[in-house]
Structures are given as structure tokens and as C-alpha cells.
Amino acid sequence: MKNYSVGGQAVIEGVMMKSAKHGAIAVRDNNGKIVVKEESVDSWVNGKAAGKIPILRGALTMIETMIGGINSLNYSSDVFLGDETEVEKDRFDKFIDKIFKDKANDAMVVISLILATFISVGLFMLVPTLLGGLFGRWVTNDIALNLIEGGIRICILFAYIIVISKNKDIQRVFEYHGAEHKSIHCFENEEDLTPENARKYKRLHPRCGTNFLFIVMITSIILFSFFGWPNPLLRIVVRIICVPVVSGIAYEIIKLLGRYDNHLTRAVAYPGMMLQYLTTKEPDDSQLEVAIASLKSVLDRDGFLDYKSCGGEKI
């Protein structure tokens, strides 16, 4: 158990779970049936030479997770909408189909990844460093300016989460996020995976991606301080170049938080854990059933469980 790690992601009306070797996405379709898709994990890191190199493995894992997350969201959307919901493709979709043909889905994933990267860079790097630069008229200390920029970045993160959480669809995703955490806690405490058992656990988890985001923010403040406070263009270039390093360091910290439980690790994890009160909501039993179905599928293939049915239709 100590050497075994399983994590997940909330998707549209479902949960994706993944271990080092296997993954599964469980989605409740519009007929109320749980559909489970099983996958084998072909990781760039696990079992590879890159997986033994600190920081590099974190940077690669971040990219790998983003790609897997987009694929999982697209799949869950297709399952939830079902075949009966025909949506006419717009001109852009038709253009992508025409150019890439059978590789159109892969092309859309790449385009989505590029767009997400540009939006993230603009919202969490460009805007904070430009706003922070306005304080240069009154503040001359480089470290203080970096702290101000970091504070602005954290405020933007909080505001972003609060704004999107007002959307009803996002609220449903946050509920499935809570179901994901509760089911993993249930397994890690070696209890039978049932909604009744999972319900009593907290919806917060130290290895959550929300913790990762917050630690990325803090790590960036510390790392960027070493580069002083150059002109705006150079600041932006330095921050973009350092993204893989920041994510790699944050990944190593998250691994330590998941491996050890003491006063120090709890103190480091505390801010990110509190942020999870915004990114997770209390799930109902039907959502716990979906999360458990996904988790059981992964555990079964990894040899942890012996069961005949996870309560969902496997495909």
C-alpha cells in the first residue's frame, strides 16, 4: 500500500482514475447507467529513465496530465451527451476534419493544449507581472516586487476558481472531485469500497491537483526572486522558460506530501488543502458510485481486488 499510488480527475458526470499501469474513466450517461472505459497507461515517466530524474519527471508528468485530462473530458462529454444528441459541427470542426481526417481528434487535443497554455501564461504570468510592475514606482526592492507579483497571481487564482464555481456544470464537476477524493481515502484506509464507507471521509486530499497549483504559485515566487526584477519583456521570457522547472519542483513536493505525514508536511499542505474547499463539493451517493466504479476498475487490473462487476458497463 505504501508503494502504491492511485489518483484521479473529475470529468463531466464522471471520474477518471489512474495508477502507474492502468486507468479507467467511469461516466454516468444520460440514461443513468455507469459506463466504464478501461485503459492501459503508456507513461513517459513511469518505468522509464526520465522517471528517475527529479524535476524532469515532474515537468513531463504535467504535460502528460494535461493531455490525459483533455482526452478524459472529451470522452466523458461524448458519453454523457450520448448518440441521441446530435450537435451540428461548426466551420472550424469541419475544417479540422477535412485537414486531419482520422487524426482530427488528436489535432483537437493539441489545439486545446496550446490554447490552454496560452490562456494560462496570459492569466497567471503576463497579467501578474505587468500589474506587479506598476508598483515599481514606489517599491525598489526586487524581492518585494516578486512577492507582490506572486500575491497578485494567487489572488487571480482564487478569483478564477470562485467565478467558475458559480456555473452549475462546474459545481457538478466539483462534486465529482469530492467523490474522487472520498473514494481514494476509503481505499487508502483499507475499507470496502462502498458509498456508505466513502461518505464519511473528508473531501480533501494532500495529493490533489489543487495542492499542486498552490505549491506551483509559492515555488514560482521563490524561484523568480533569484532573477531580480528586469524589464517586463525579459521577466515574461524568464517566467515562461522556468515553467517546467517550477512544475518539476512542485511535483517533487507533492510526492513528499503524499509519502509522509508529519507536522512539516501538514503545514506545507495546509494552504492547498484549504483551497480544496473551493474546488471540491460534497458528493451524493450516486456520484460516489461512479468514482468507486472507476477506482475499482483500476484496482482490479492492478491485482488489488477480485470482483465480477464494478456496477458499470465496461467497454
Protein backbone atom coordinates (compact mmCIF):
# COMPACT_ATOMS: atom_id res chain seq x y z
CA MET A 1 0.00 0.00 0.00
CA LYS A 2 2.81 2.45 0.84
CA ASN A 3 4.39 1.93 -2.59
CA TYR A 4 1.08 2.04 -4.47
CA SER A 5 -0.34 5.32 -5.70
CA VAL A 6 -3.61 6.00 -7.47
CA GLY A 7 -5.01 9.39 -8.38
CA GLY A 8 -7.85 10.81 -10.36
CA GLN A 9 -9.63 13.66 -12.03
CA ALA A 10 -13.24 14.74 -12.07
CA VAL A 11 -14.76 14.90 -15.55
CA ILE A 12 -18.23 15.62 -16.93
CA GLU A 13 -20.62 13.44 -14.88
CA GLY A 14 -17.79 11.09 -14.03
CA VAL A 15 -14.35 10.37 -12.63
CA MET A 16 -11.09 9.26 -14.19
CA MET A 17 -8.77 7.15 -12.03
CA LYS A 18 -5.21 6.16 -12.87
CA SER A 19 -2.37 4.16 -11.37
CA ALA A 20 1.12 3.67 -12.79
CA LYS A 21 -0.09 0.96 -15.19
CA HIS A 22 -3.83 1.24 -15.65
CA GLY A 23 -6.55 3.85 -15.98
CA ALA A 24 -10.32 3.94 -16.10
CA ILE A 25 -12.99 6.55 -16.78
CA ALA A 26 -16.44 6.00 -15.30
CA VAL A 27 -19.26 8.22 -16.56
CA ARG A 28 -22.97 8.15 -15.85
CA ASP A 29 -24.72 8.57 -19.20
CA ASN A 30 -28.00 10.42 -19.77
CA ASN A 31 -29.90 7.17 -19.15
CA GLY A 32 -28.45 6.86 -15.65
CA LYS A 33 -26.15 3.94 -16.49
CA ILE A 34 -22.49 3.92 -15.41
CA VAL A 35 -20.18 3.32 -18.37
CA VAL A 36 -16.57 2.37 -17.57
CA LYS A 37 -13.78 2.66 -20.10
CA GLU A 38 -10.57 0.84 -19.18
CA GLU A 39 -7.17 1.90 -20.50
CA SER A 40 -3.55 0.90 -20.22
CA VAL A 41 -1.22 3.72 -19.20
CA ASP A 42 1.67 4.39 -21.55
CA SER A 43 3.55 6.89 -19.43
CA TRP A 44 6.55 8.99 -20.43
CA VAL A 45 7.78 8.71 -16.85
CA ASN A 46 6.71 5.52 -15.05
CA GLY A 47 9.21 2.75 -15.64
CA LYS A 48 11.30 4.99 -17.91
CA ALA A 49 14.69 6.59 -17.38
CA ALA A 50 13.07 10.02 -17.13
CA GLY A 51 11.11 8.79 -14.11
CA LYS A 52 14.34 8.62 -12.11
CA ILE A 53 15.37 12.21 -12.78
CA PRO A 54 13.91 14.68 -10.24
CA ILE A 55 12.25 17.82 -11.63
CA LEU A 56 12.33 16.47 -15.22
CA ARG A 57 9.80 13.78 -14.29
CA GLY A 58 7.56 16.45 -12.82
CA ALA A 59 7.67 18.62 -15.95
CA LEU A 60 6.87 15.62 -18.17
CA THR A 61 4.10 14.47 -15.82
CA MET A 62 2.48 17.92 -16.01
CA ILE A 63 2.32 17.78 -19.82
CA GLU A 64 1.17 14.17 -19.75
CA THR A 65 -1.55 15.01 -17.22
CA MET A 66 -2.83 17.92 -19.30
CA ILE A 67 -3.11 15.75 -22.41
CA GLY A 68 -4.81 12.94 -20.47
CA GLY A 69 -7.17 15.42 -18.82
CA ILE A 70 -8.33 16.87 -22.13
CA ASN A 71 -8.88 13.38 -23.57
CA SER A 72 -10.84 12.33 -20.48
CA LEU A 73 -13.05 15.43 -20.61
CA ASN A 74 -13.77 14.90 -24.31
CA TYR A 75 -14.67 11.25 -23.72
CA SER A 76 -16.91 11.98 -20.74
CA SER A 77 -18.73 14.65 -22.74
CA ASP A 78 -19.40 12.19 -25.56
CA VAL A 79 -20.71 9.53 -23.17
CA PHE A 80 -22.93 11.94 -21.24
CA LEU A 81 -24.44 13.50 -24.35
CA GLY A 82 -24.95 10.10 -25.96
CA ASP A 83 -25.71 9.21 -29.55
CA GLU A 84 -29.16 10.77 -29.41
CA THR A 85 -27.75 14.26 -29.00
CA GLU A 86 -26.55 15.29 -32.43
CA VAL A 87 -24.67 18.55 -32.46
CA GLU A 88 -24.05 20.10 -35.86
CA LYS A 89 -20.37 20.77 -36.39
CA ASP A 90 -19.31 24.36 -36.92
CA ARG A 91 -16.99 25.55 -39.69
CA PHE A 92 -13.89 25.12 -37.54
CA ASP A 93 -14.72 21.48 -36.70
CA LYS A 94 -15.41 20.74 -40.35
CA PHE A 95 -12.11 22.39 -41.30
CA ILE A 96 -10.20 20.26 -38.77
CA ASP A 97 -11.94 17.09 -40.04
CA LYS A 98 -11.06 17.98 -43.61
CA ILE A 99 -7.39 18.69 -42.89
CA PHE A 100 -6.58 15.94 -40.37
CA LYS A 101 -9.21 13.32 -41.34
CA ASP A 102 -8.92 10.34 -38.93
CA LYS A 103 -6.42 12.29 -36.80
CA ALA A 104 -8.94 15.09 -36.17
CA ASN A 105 -9.44 14.15 -32.50
CA ASP A 106 -5.69 14.17 -31.86
CA ALA A 107 -5.43 17.54 -33.60
CA MET A 108 -8.19 18.97 -31.40
CA VAL A 109 -6.35 17.77 -28.29
CA VAL A 110 -3.16 19.54 -29.43
CA ILE A 111 -5.08 22.72 -30.27
CA SER A 112 -6.86 22.61 -26.89
CA LEU A 113 -3.50 22.12 -25.13
CA ILE A 114 -1.96 25.09 -26.96
CA LEU A 115 -4.96 27.32 -26.19
CA ALA A 116 -4.94 26.28 -22.52
CA THR A 117 -1.21 27.05 -22.33
CA PHE A 118 -1.63 30.50 -23.88
CA ILE A 119 -4.54 31.34 -21.57
CA SER A 120 -2.60 30.12 -18.52
CA VAL A 121 0.51 32.09 -19.49
CA GLY A 122 -1.56 35.22 -20.12
CA LEU A 123 -3.70 35.00 -16.99
CA PHE A 124 -1.15 33.75 -14.48
CA MET A 125 2.13 35.20 -15.82
CA LEU A 126 1.59 38.13 -18.17
CA VAL A 127 -1.12 39.90 -16.15
CA PRO A 128 0.52 39.48 -12.68
CA THR A 129 3.98 40.61 -13.81
CA LEU A 130 2.59 43.67 -15.62
CA LEU A 131 0.40 44.63 -12.65
CA GLY A 132 3.29 43.99 -10.29
CA GLY A 133 5.45 46.29 -12.39
CA LEU A 134 3.13 49.19 -11.61
CA PHE A 135 4.36 49.04 -8.01
CA GLY A 136 7.92 49.71 -9.23
CA ARG A 137 7.26 53.42 -8.85
CA TRP A 138 7.11 53.07 -5.07
CA VAL A 139 8.91 49.75 -4.38
CA THR A 140 12.56 49.34 -5.34
CA ASN A 141 13.36 46.02 -3.64
CA ASP A 142 13.40 43.14 -6.16
CA ILE A 143 12.25 40.54 -3.65
CA ALA A 144 9.35 42.74 -2.56
CA LEU A 145 8.27 43.22 -6.19
CA ASN A 146 8.37 39.47 -6.76
CA LEU A 147 6.28 38.96 -3.63
CA ILE A 148 3.73 41.49 -4.89
CA GLU A 149 3.59 39.76 -8.27
CA GLY A 150 3.14 36.40 -6.56
CA GLY A 151 0.38 37.78 -4.36
CA ILE A 152 -1.44 39.09 -7.44
CA ARG A 153 -1.07 35.68 -9.10
CA ILE A 154 -2.60 33.93 -6.08
CA CYS A 155 -5.47 36.44 -5.98
CA ILE A 156 -6.17 35.78 -9.66
CA LEU A 157 -6.22 32.03 -8.97
CA PHE A 158 -8.71 32.49 -6.12
CA ALA A 159 -10.89 34.81 -8.20
CA TYR A 160 -10.81 32.42 -11.16
CA ILE A 161 -11.91 29.45 -9.05
CA ILE A 162 -14.68 31.45 -7.36
CA VAL A 163 -16.03 32.75 -10.68
CA ILE A 164 -16.14 29.37 -12.45
CA SER A 165 -17.63 27.69 -9.36
CA LYS A 166 -20.79 29.77 -9.90
CA ASN A 167 -21.52 27.71 -13.01
CA LYS A 168 -23.87 24.78 -12.31
CA ASP A 169 -21.97 22.41 -14.60
CA ILE A 170 -18.70 23.23 -12.84
CA GLN A 171 -20.39 22.68 -9.49
CA ARG A 172 -21.25 19.16 -10.65
CA VAL A 173 -17.61 18.59 -11.62
CA PHE A 174 -16.50 19.82 -8.18
CA GLU A 175 -18.91 17.33 -6.58
CA TYR A 176 -17.35 14.52 -8.57
CA HIS A 177 -13.96 15.89 -7.47
CA GLY A 178 -15.08 15.38 -3.88
CA ALA A 179 -16.29 11.86 -4.73
CA GLU A 180 -12.89 11.06 -6.22
CA HIS A 181 -11.10 12.09 -3.02
CA LYS A 182 -13.50 10.29 -0.70
CA SER A 183 -13.22 7.01 -2.60
CA ILE A 184 -9.40 7.19 -2.62
CA HIS A 185 -9.38 7.90 1.13
CA CYS A 186 -11.64 4.88 1.62
CA PHE A 187 -9.21 2.65 -0.27
CA GLU A 188 -6.14 4.06 1.49
CA ASN A 189 -7.80 3.26 4.83
CA GLU A 190 -8.35 -0.31 3.59
CA GLU A 191 -12.14 -0.25 3.86
CA ASP A 192 -14.59 -1.87 1.47
CA LEU A 193 -15.33 0.46 -1.39
CA THR A 194 -18.97 1.35 -0.86
CA PRO A 195 -20.75 4.73 -0.89
CA GLU A 196 -21.57 4.24 2.81
CA ASN A 197 -17.90 3.82 3.74
CA ALA A 198 -16.59 6.53 1.40
CA ARG A 199 -19.19 9.08 2.52
CA LYS A 200 -17.64 9.55 5.97
CA TYR A 201 -14.21 10.64 4.70
CA LYS A 202 -13.11 14.19 4.03
CA ARG A 203 -13.29 15.55 0.51
CA LEU A 204 -9.76 16.97 0.83
CA HIS A 205 -6.59 15.11 -0.18
CA PRO A 206 -2.90 16.14 0.10
CA ARG A 207 -2.01 14.83 -3.38
CA CYS A 208 -4.77 16.82 -5.09
CA GLY A 209 -4.03 18.88 -8.18
CA THR A 210 -5.33 21.92 -6.30
CA ASN A 211 -2.44 21.49 -3.85
CA PHE A 212 -0.14 21.24 -6.84
CA LEU A 213 -1.43 24.55 -8.24
CA PHE A 214 -0.90 26.36 -4.95
CA ILE A 215 2.59 24.93 -4.49
CA VAL A 216 3.42 25.98 -8.06
CA MET A 217 2.42 29.52 -7.10
CA ILE A 218 4.65 29.56 -3.99
CA THR A 219 7.55 27.88 -5.79
CA SER A 220 7.38 30.43 -8.60
CA ILE A 221 7.60 33.32 -6.13
CA ILE A 222 10.76 31.87 -4.56
CA LEU A 223 12.41 30.87 -7.86
CA PHE A 224 11.64 34.08 -9.75
CA SER A 225 13.14 36.11 -6.90
CA PHE A 226 16.60 34.81 -7.88
CA PHE A 227 16.29 36.55 -11.26
CA GLY A 228 15.72 40.01 -9.83
CA TRP A 229 13.25 42.38 -11.49
CA PRO A 230 14.39 43.02 -15.10
CA ASN A 231 12.32 44.79 -17.78
CA PRO A 232 8.78 43.43 -18.47
CA LEU A 233 9.69 41.52 -21.66
CA LEU A 234 12.64 39.76 -20.03
CA ARG A 235 10.51 38.97 -16.95
CA ILE A 236 7.89 37.26 -19.12
CA VAL A 237 10.53 35.28 -21.06
CA VAL A 238 12.23 34.12 -17.84
CA ARG A 239 8.91 33.04 -16.31
CA ILE A 240 7.89 31.04 -19.39
CA ILE A 241 11.29 29.33 -19.54
CA CYS A 242 11.07 28.46 -15.84
CA VAL A 243 7.60 26.86 -16.06
CA PRO A 244 8.99 23.29 -16.46
CA VAL A 245 11.38 23.84 -13.53
CA VAL A 246 8.64 25.26 -11.30
CA SER A 247 6.24 22.41 -12.11
CA GLY A 248 9.02 19.86 -11.60
CA ILE A 249 9.88 21.19 -8.14
CA ALA A 250 6.18 21.35 -7.19
CA TYR A 251 5.75 17.74 -8.31
CA GLU A 252 8.56 16.58 -6.02
CA ILE A 253 6.99 18.45 -3.10
CA ILE A 254 3.60 16.85 -3.78
CA LYS A 255 5.21 13.40 -3.82
CA LEU A 256 6.74 14.10 -0.40
CA LEU A 257 3.39 15.31 0.96
CA GLY A 258 1.76 12.08 -0.16
CA ARG A 259 4.55 9.92 1.25
CA TYR A 260 4.98 11.44 4.71
CA ASP A 261 2.53 12.60 7.34
CA ASN A 262 4.08 14.84 10.00
CA HIS A 263 3.82 18.40 11.29
CA LEU A 264 6.03 19.80 8.50
CA THR A 265 4.19 18.13 5.60
CA ARG A 266 0.82 19.04 7.07
CA ALA A 267 1.92 22.69 7.40
CA VAL A 268 3.13 22.78 3.77
CA ALA A 269 -0.06 21.12 2.53
CA TYR A 270 -2.42 23.24 4.63
CA PRO A 271 -2.96 26.23 2.26
CA GLY A 272 -3.64 23.96 -0.72
CA MET A 273 -5.91 21.79 1.40
CA MET A 274 -7.94 24.85 2.37
CA LEU A 275 -8.16 25.85 -1.29
CA GLN A 276 -9.78 22.47 -1.95
CA TYR A 277 -12.84 23.69 -0.07
CA LEU A 278 -13.44 25.76 -3.21
CA THR A 279 -12.58 23.09 -5.81
CA THR A 280 -14.48 20.20 -4.17
CA LYS A 281 -18.10 19.89 -3.07
CA GLU A 282 -19.90 17.20 -1.08
CA PRO A 283 -20.99 14.44 -3.47
CA ASP A 284 -24.17 12.37 -3.26
CA ASP A 285 -24.19 8.57 -3.23
CA SER A 286 -24.77 8.31 -6.98
CA GLN A 287 -21.59 10.30 -7.60
CA LEU A 288 -19.67 8.17 -5.10
CA GLU A 289 -20.86 5.10 -7.01
CA VAL A 290 -19.31 6.46 -10.20
CA ALA A 291 -15.99 7.29 -8.51
CA ILE A 292 -15.89 3.86 -6.87
CA ALA A 293 -16.65 2.15 -10.19
CA SER A 294 -13.66 3.89 -11.78
CA LEU A 295 -11.37 3.15 -8.82
CA LYS A 296 -12.41 -0.49 -8.59
CA SER A 297 -11.66 -0.98 -12.26
CA VAL A 298 -8.09 0.25 -11.81
CA LEU A 299 -7.55 -1.70 -8.59
CA ASP A 300 -8.90 -4.88 -10.14
CA ARG A 301 -6.49 -4.69 -13.06
CA ASP A 302 -3.63 -3.96 -10.66
CA GLY A 303 -4.48 -7.06 -8.63
CA PHE A 304 -5.90 -5.37 -5.53
CA LEU A 305 -9.46 -6.56 -5.90
CA ASP A 306 -11.29 -9.65 -7.04
CA TYR A 307 -14.74 -8.70 -8.18
CA LYS A 308 -17.03 -9.63 -11.05
CA SER A 309 -18.77 -6.32 -11.61
CA CYS A 310 -17.95 -2.74 -10.76
CA GLY A 311 -21.53 -1.69 -11.21
CA GLY A 312 -20.88 -0.28 -14.65
CA GLU A 313 -20.83 -1.43 -18.23
CA LYS A 314 -17.22 -1.91 -19.32
CA ILE A 315 -16.19 -1.04 -22.85
